[in-house]
Amino acid sequence: MEIITYPDPILMRKAVPIEEIDNKICQIAQEMLDTMYDACGLGLAAPQIGLSKRLVVIDVTGEKTGERVFINPQIIEERGEAIEEEGCLSFPGVMGKVIRSQYVTVTAYNLEGEKLKIEAEGLLSRVWQHEIDHINGRLFIEMMTPASRIANNQKIKEFELAYQNSRAGVG
């Protein structure tokens, strides 16, 4: 699967809920995990591969031991605040300080249709928030500190120009 990069419009749209967990969803989830590992990511949301679905995969171990698939996840509780460096597979080469909650509680469904309630803090909390933002059409650059946004402004403009040129058939 190809990872969609900014400013593709699908990254800014709210994804639609998954109504039925079928073989196709299971296959997409496995392909998303493979894509995430190939890109050395900790998480990947369906809009990042061009699908407007509320589906995310996460593995903060990076070793294919903690891989998890989550359907229709939502944050139901947030606490605390932390500012940490973050990157995004849809923004290659862009890193910046992002303000996130330190702790979250999330509900989601697994591939068997079982409802889960997950509590997370630290890195896992950050990954959850990042991926759920993706399925809500929100980008990590929107939560960057002002200094990080300024530091990355040129790179972000380069993404926008490259996208415009690709749509116009230039370059």
C-alpha atoms as a PDB file:
ATOM      1  CA  MET A   1       0.000   0.000   0.000  1.00  0.00           C
ATOM      2  CA  GLU A   2       1.127   3.517  -0.704  1.00  0.00           C
ATOM      3  CA  ILE A   3       1.098   6.046   2.132  1.00  0.00           C
ATOM      4  CA  ILE A   4      -0.791   9.197   1.175  1.00  0.00           C
ATOM      5  CA  THR A   5       1.088  12.420   1.861  1.00  0.00           C
ATOM      6  CA  TYR A   6      -0.052  15.900   2.785  1.00  0.00           C
ATOM      7  CA  PRO A   7      -1.982  17.823   1.457  1.00  0.00           C
ATOM      8  CA  ASP A   8      -4.109  15.090  -0.110  1.00  0.00           C
ATOM      9  CA  PRO A   9      -7.727  16.019   0.796  1.00  0.00           C
ATOM     10  CA  ILE A  10      -8.528  12.563   2.246  1.00  0.00           C
ATOM     11  CA  LEU A  11      -6.210  13.383   5.155  1.00  0.00           C
ATOM     12  CA  MET A  12      -8.431  16.320   6.120  1.00  0.00           C
ATOM     13  CA  ARG A  13     -11.779  14.484   5.928  1.00  0.00           C
ATOM     14  CA  LYS A  14     -13.542  12.694   8.739  1.00  0.00           C
ATOM     15  CA  ALA A  15     -13.523   8.963   7.980  1.00  0.00           C
ATOM     16  CA  VAL A  16     -16.719   6.947   7.927  1.00  0.00           C
ATOM     17  CA  PRO A  17     -17.479   4.299  10.562  1.00  0.00           C
ATOM     18  CA  ILE A  18     -17.082   0.638   9.691  1.00  0.00           C
ATOM     19  CA  GLU A  19     -20.492  -1.036   9.786  1.00  0.00           C
ATOM     20  CA  GLU A  20     -19.403  -4.632   9.225  1.00  0.00           C
ATOM     21  CA  ILE A  21     -16.163  -6.445  10.009  1.00  0.00           C
ATOM     22  CA  ASP A  22     -15.688  -8.762   7.056  1.00  0.00           C
ATOM     23  CA  ASN A  23     -12.804 -10.491   5.274  1.00  0.00           C
ATOM     24  CA  LYS A  24     -12.063  -7.356   3.271  1.00  0.00           C
ATOM     25  CA  ILE A  25     -11.584  -5.289   6.449  1.00  0.00           C
ATOM     26  CA  CYS A  26      -9.343  -8.022   7.879  1.00  0.00           C
ATOM     27  CA  GLN A  27      -7.265  -8.048   4.689  1.00  0.00           C
ATOM     28  CA  ILE A  28      -6.958  -4.244   4.673  1.00  0.00           C
ATOM     29  CA  ALA A  29      -5.879  -4.319   8.329  1.00  0.00           C
ATOM     30  CA  GLN A  30      -3.123  -6.861   7.591  1.00  0.00           C
ATOM     31  CA  GLU A  31      -1.904  -4.833   4.627  1.00  0.00           C
ATOM     32  CA  MET A  32      -1.921  -1.712   6.804  1.00  0.00           C
ATOM     33  CA  LEU A  33       0.222  -3.473   9.410  1.00  0.00           C
ATOM     34  CA  ASP A  34       2.685  -4.545   6.709  1.00  0.00           C
ATOM     35  CA  THR A  35       2.787  -0.990   5.336  1.00  0.00           C
ATOM     36  CA  MET A  36       3.302   0.472   8.820  1.00  0.00           C
ATOM     37  CA  TYR A  37       6.212  -1.880   9.528  1.00  0.00           C
ATOM     38  CA  ASP A  38       7.784  -1.244   6.111  1.00  0.00           C
ATOM     39  CA  ALA A  39       7.680   2.499   6.863  1.00  0.00           C
ATOM     40  CA  CYS A  40       9.003   2.020  10.438  1.00  0.00           C
ATOM     41  CA  GLY A  41       5.865   3.600  11.903  1.00  0.00           C
ATOM     42  CA  LEU A  42       4.171   3.088  15.246  1.00  0.00           C
ATOM     43  CA  GLY A  43       0.657   3.558  13.894  1.00  0.00           C
ATOM     44  CA  LEU A  44      -1.266   3.981  10.670  1.00  0.00           C
ATOM     45  CA  ALA A  45      -4.814   5.127   9.972  1.00  0.00           C
ATOM     46  CA  ALA A  46      -6.879   4.084   6.946  1.00  0.00           C
ATOM     47  CA  PRO A  47      -7.040   7.627   5.489  1.00  0.00           C
ATOM     48  CA  GLN A  48      -3.240   7.492   5.242  1.00  0.00           C
ATOM     49  CA  ILE A  49      -3.575   4.726   2.666  1.00  0.00           C
ATOM     50  CA  GLY A  50      -6.441   6.448   0.853  1.00  0.00           C
ATOM     51  CA  LEU A  51      -9.413   4.794   2.591  1.00  0.00           C
ATOM     52  CA  SER A  52     -12.043   6.838   4.382  1.00  0.00           C
ATOM     53  CA  LYS A  53     -12.599   4.220   7.094  1.00  0.00           C
ATOM     54  CA  ARG A  54     -12.351   4.462  10.884  1.00  0.00           C
ATOM     55  CA  LEU A  55      -9.635   1.815  11.079  1.00  0.00           C
ATOM     56  CA  VAL A  56      -6.228   2.125  12.747  1.00  0.00           C
ATOM     57  CA  VAL A  57      -3.313  -0.180  13.410  1.00  0.00           C
ATOM     58  CA  ILE A  58      -0.826   0.390  16.219  1.00  0.00           C
ATOM     59  CA  ASP A  59       2.351  -1.237  17.480  1.00  0.00           C
ATOM     60  CA  VAL A  60       4.538   0.913  19.714  1.00  0.00           C
ATOM     61  CA  THR A  61       7.034  -1.940  20.156  1.00  0.00           C
ATOM     62  CA  GLY A  62       8.061  -1.715  16.498  1.00  0.00           C
ATOM     63  CA  GLU A  63       8.879  -5.435  16.627  1.00  0.00           C
ATOM     64  CA  LYS A  64       5.653  -7.035  15.353  1.00  0.00           C
ATOM     65  CA  THR A  65       4.901  -8.252  18.863  1.00  0.00           C
ATOM     66  CA  GLY A  66       2.326  -5.723  19.955  1.00  0.00           C
ATOM     67  CA  GLU A  67       0.430  -5.215  16.750  1.00  0.00           C
ATOM     68  CA  ARG A  68      -3.188  -4.386  17.210  1.00  0.00           C
ATOM     69  CA  VAL A  69      -6.052  -3.508  14.898  1.00  0.00           C
ATOM     70  CA  PHE A  70      -8.802  -1.162  16.055  1.00  0.00           C
ATOM     71  CA  ILE A  71     -12.115  -0.406  14.435  1.00  0.00           C
ATOM     72  CA  ASN A  72     -14.147   2.759  15.108  1.00  0.00           C
ATOM     73  CA  PRO A  73     -11.905   3.939  17.971  1.00  0.00           C
ATOM     74  CA  GLN A  74     -12.807   6.977  20.017  1.00  0.00           C
ATOM     75  CA  ILE A  75     -11.272   8.761  22.962  1.00  0.00           C
ATOM     76  CA  ILE A  76     -13.646   8.860  25.915  1.00  0.00           C
ATOM     77  CA  GLU A  77     -11.314  10.400  28.522  1.00  0.00           C
ATOM     78  CA  GLU A  78      -8.182  12.570  28.460  1.00  0.00           C
ATOM     79  CA  ARG A  79      -5.995  13.834  31.306  1.00  0.00           C
ATOM     80  CA  GLY A  80      -2.773  15.724  31.746  1.00  0.00           C
ATOM     81  CA  GLU A  81      -0.603  17.351  29.143  1.00  0.00           C
ATOM     82  CA  ALA A  82       2.714  16.504  27.528  1.00  0.00           C
ATOM     83  CA  ILE A  83       4.774  18.162  24.822  1.00  0.00           C
ATOM     84  CA  GLU A  84       6.903  15.721  22.837  1.00  0.00           C
ATOM     85  CA  GLU A  85       8.541  15.424  19.436  1.00  0.00           C
ATOM     86  CA  GLU A  86       6.327  13.748  16.858  1.00  0.00           C
ATOM     87  CA  GLY A  87       6.477  12.781  13.218  1.00  0.00           C
ATOM     88  CA  CYS A  88       3.972  11.385  10.743  1.00  0.00           C
ATOM     89  CA  LEU A  89       4.232   8.937   7.864  1.00  0.00           C
ATOM     90  CA  SER A  90       2.116  11.325   5.762  1.00  0.00           C
ATOM     91  CA  PHE A  91       4.684  14.099   6.355  1.00  0.00           C
ATOM     92  CA  PRO A  92       8.060  12.505   5.547  1.00  0.00           C
ATOM     93  CA  GLY A  93      10.900  14.489   7.071  1.00  0.00           C
ATOM     94  CA  VAL A  94       8.682  16.688   9.256  1.00  0.00           C
ATOM     95  CA  MET A  95       9.192  16.511  13.028  1.00  0.00           C
ATOM     96  CA  GLY A  96       7.936  18.883  15.670  1.00  0.00           C
ATOM     97  CA  LYS A  97       6.862  19.326  19.253  1.00  0.00           C
ATOM     98  CA  VAL A  98       3.169  18.490  19.672  1.00  0.00           C
ATOM     99  CA  ILE A  99       0.914  19.100  22.652  1.00  0.00           C
ATOM    100  CA  ARG A 100      -1.107  16.018  23.606  1.00  0.00           C
ATOM    101  CA  SER A 101      -2.846  14.581  26.639  1.00  0.00           C
ATOM    102  CA  GLN A 102      -0.606  12.437  28.846  1.00  0.00           C
ATOM    103  CA  TYR A 103      -3.346   9.854  29.478  1.00  0.00           C
ATOM    104  CA  VAL A 104      -6.312   8.651  27.407  1.00  0.00           C
ATOM    105  CA  THR A 105      -9.036   6.048  27.624  1.00  0.00           C
ATOM    106  CA  VAL A 106     -10.175   4.729  24.252  1.00  0.00           C
ATOM    107  CA  THR A 107     -12.993   2.465  23.172  1.00  0.00           C
ATOM    108  CA  ALA A 108     -12.759   0.467  19.942  1.00  0.00           C
ATOM    109  CA  TYR A 109     -13.638  -2.881  18.406  1.00  0.00           C
ATOM    110  CA  ASN A 110     -11.183  -5.613  17.449  1.00  0.00           C
ATOM    111  CA  LEU A 111     -11.419  -7.759  14.313  1.00  0.00           C
ATOM    112  CA  GLU A 112     -13.628 -10.253  16.173  1.00  0.00           C
ATOM    113  CA  GLY A 113     -16.167  -7.500  16.866  1.00  0.00           C
ATOM    114  CA  GLU A 114     -15.433  -7.382  20.599  1.00  0.00           C
ATOM    115  CA  LYS A 115     -15.675  -3.962  22.223  1.00  0.00           C
ATOM    116  CA  LEU A 116     -12.453  -2.939  23.959  1.00  0.00           C
ATOM    117  CA  LYS A 117     -11.659  -0.292  26.509  1.00  0.00           C
ATOM    118  CA  ILE A 118      -7.993   0.674  26.546  1.00  0.00           C
ATOM    119  CA  GLU A 119      -6.186   2.949  28.972  1.00  0.00           C
ATOM    120  CA  ALA A 120      -2.925   4.425  27.743  1.00  0.00           C
ATOM    121  CA  GLU A 121      -0.317   6.903  28.854  1.00  0.00           C
ATOM    122  CA  GLY A 122       2.978   8.193  27.539  1.00  0.00           C
ATOM    123  CA  LEU A 123       3.953   7.051  24.048  1.00  0.00           C
ATOM    124  CA  LEU A 124       0.936   4.779  23.573  1.00  0.00           C
ATOM    125  CA  SER A 125      -1.390   7.623  24.537  1.00  0.00           C
ATOM    126  CA  ARG A 126       0.352   9.877  22.016  1.00  0.00           C
ATOM    127  CA  VAL A 127       0.034   7.285  19.220  1.00  0.00           C
ATOM    128  CA  TRP A 128      -3.659   6.773  19.994  1.00  0.00           C
ATOM    129  CA  GLN A 129      -4.337  10.488  19.806  1.00  0.00           C
ATOM    130  CA  HIS A 130      -2.327  10.858  16.595  1.00  0.00           C
ATOM    131  CA  GLU A 131      -4.150   8.016  14.803  1.00  0.00           C
ATOM    132  CA  ILE A 132      -7.613   9.013  16.028  1.00  0.00           C
ATOM    133  CA  ASP A 133      -6.873  12.540  14.845  1.00  0.00           C
ATOM    134  CA  HIS A 134      -6.219  11.041  11.391  1.00  0.00           C
ATOM    135  CA  ILE A 135      -9.629   9.369  11.227  1.00  0.00           C
ATOM    136  CA  ASN A 136     -11.168  12.658  12.378  1.00  0.00           C
ATOM    137  CA  GLY A 137      -9.441  14.580   9.578  1.00  0.00           C
ATOM    138  CA  ARG A 138      -7.073  16.398  11.921  1.00  0.00           C
ATOM    139  CA  LEU A 139      -3.338  16.665  11.241  1.00  0.00           C
ATOM    140  CA  PHE A 140      -0.476  16.678  13.698  1.00  0.00           C
ATOM    141  CA  ILE A 141       0.832  19.954  12.299  1.00  0.00           C
ATOM    142  CA  GLU A 142      -2.319  21.580  13.703  1.00  0.00           C
ATOM    143  CA  MET A 143      -1.216  20.674  17.243  1.00  0.00           C
ATOM    144  CA  MET A 144       2.437  21.637  16.847  1.00  0.00           C
ATOM    145  CA  THR A 145       3.832  24.289  19.109  1.00  0.00           C
ATOM    146  CA  PRO A 146       4.152  27.635  17.311  1.00  0.00           C
ATOM    147  CA  ALA A 147       7.957  27.325  17.194  1.00  0.00           C
ATOM    148  CA  SER A 148       7.752  23.848  15.606  1.00  0.00           C
ATOM    149  CA  ARG A 149       5.175  25.027  13.084  1.00  0.00           C
ATOM    150  CA  ILE A 150       7.430  27.926  12.063  1.00  0.00           C
ATOM    151  CA  ALA A 151      10.447  25.606  11.834  1.00  0.00           C
ATOM    152  CA  ASN A 152       8.509  23.270   9.511  1.00  0.00           C
ATOM    153  CA  ASN A 153       6.671  25.899   7.495  1.00  0.00           C
ATOM    154  CA  GLN A 154       9.002  25.698   4.484  1.00  0.00           C
ATOM    155  CA  LYS A 155       8.797  21.894   4.283  1.00  0.00           C
ATOM    156  CA  ILE A 156       4.992  22.033   4.562  1.00  0.00           C
ATOM    157  CA  LYS A 157       4.870  24.588   1.718  1.00  0.00           C
ATOM    158  CA  GLU A 158       7.065  22.261  -0.367  1.00  0.00           C
ATOM    159  CA  PHE A 159       4.521  19.446   0.142  1.00  0.00           C
ATOM    160  CA  GLU A 160       1.726  21.787  -0.964  1.00  0.00           C
ATOM    161  CA  LEU A 161       3.614  22.933  -4.064  1.00  0.00           C
ATOM    162  CA  ALA A 162       4.550  19.357  -5.046  1.00  0.00           C
ATOM    163  CA  TYR A 163       0.898  18.309  -4.678  1.00  0.00           C
ATOM    164  CA  GLN A 164      -0.328  21.234  -6.807  1.00  0.00           C
ATOM    165  CA  ASN A 165       2.274  20.439  -9.461  1.00  0.00           C
ATOM    166  CA  SER A 166       1.331  16.755  -9.515  1.00  0.00           C
ATOM    167  CA  ARG A 167      -2.331  17.678 -10.020  1.00  0.00           C
ATOM    168  CA  ALA A 168      -1.402  20.097 -12.811  1.00  0.00           C
ATOM    169  CA  GLY A 169       0.827  17.496 -14.490  1.00  0.00           C
ATOM    170  CA  VAL A 170       3.980  19.532 -13.824  1.00  0.00           C
ATOM    171  CA  GLY A 171       7.273  17.932 -12.792  1.00  0.00           C
END
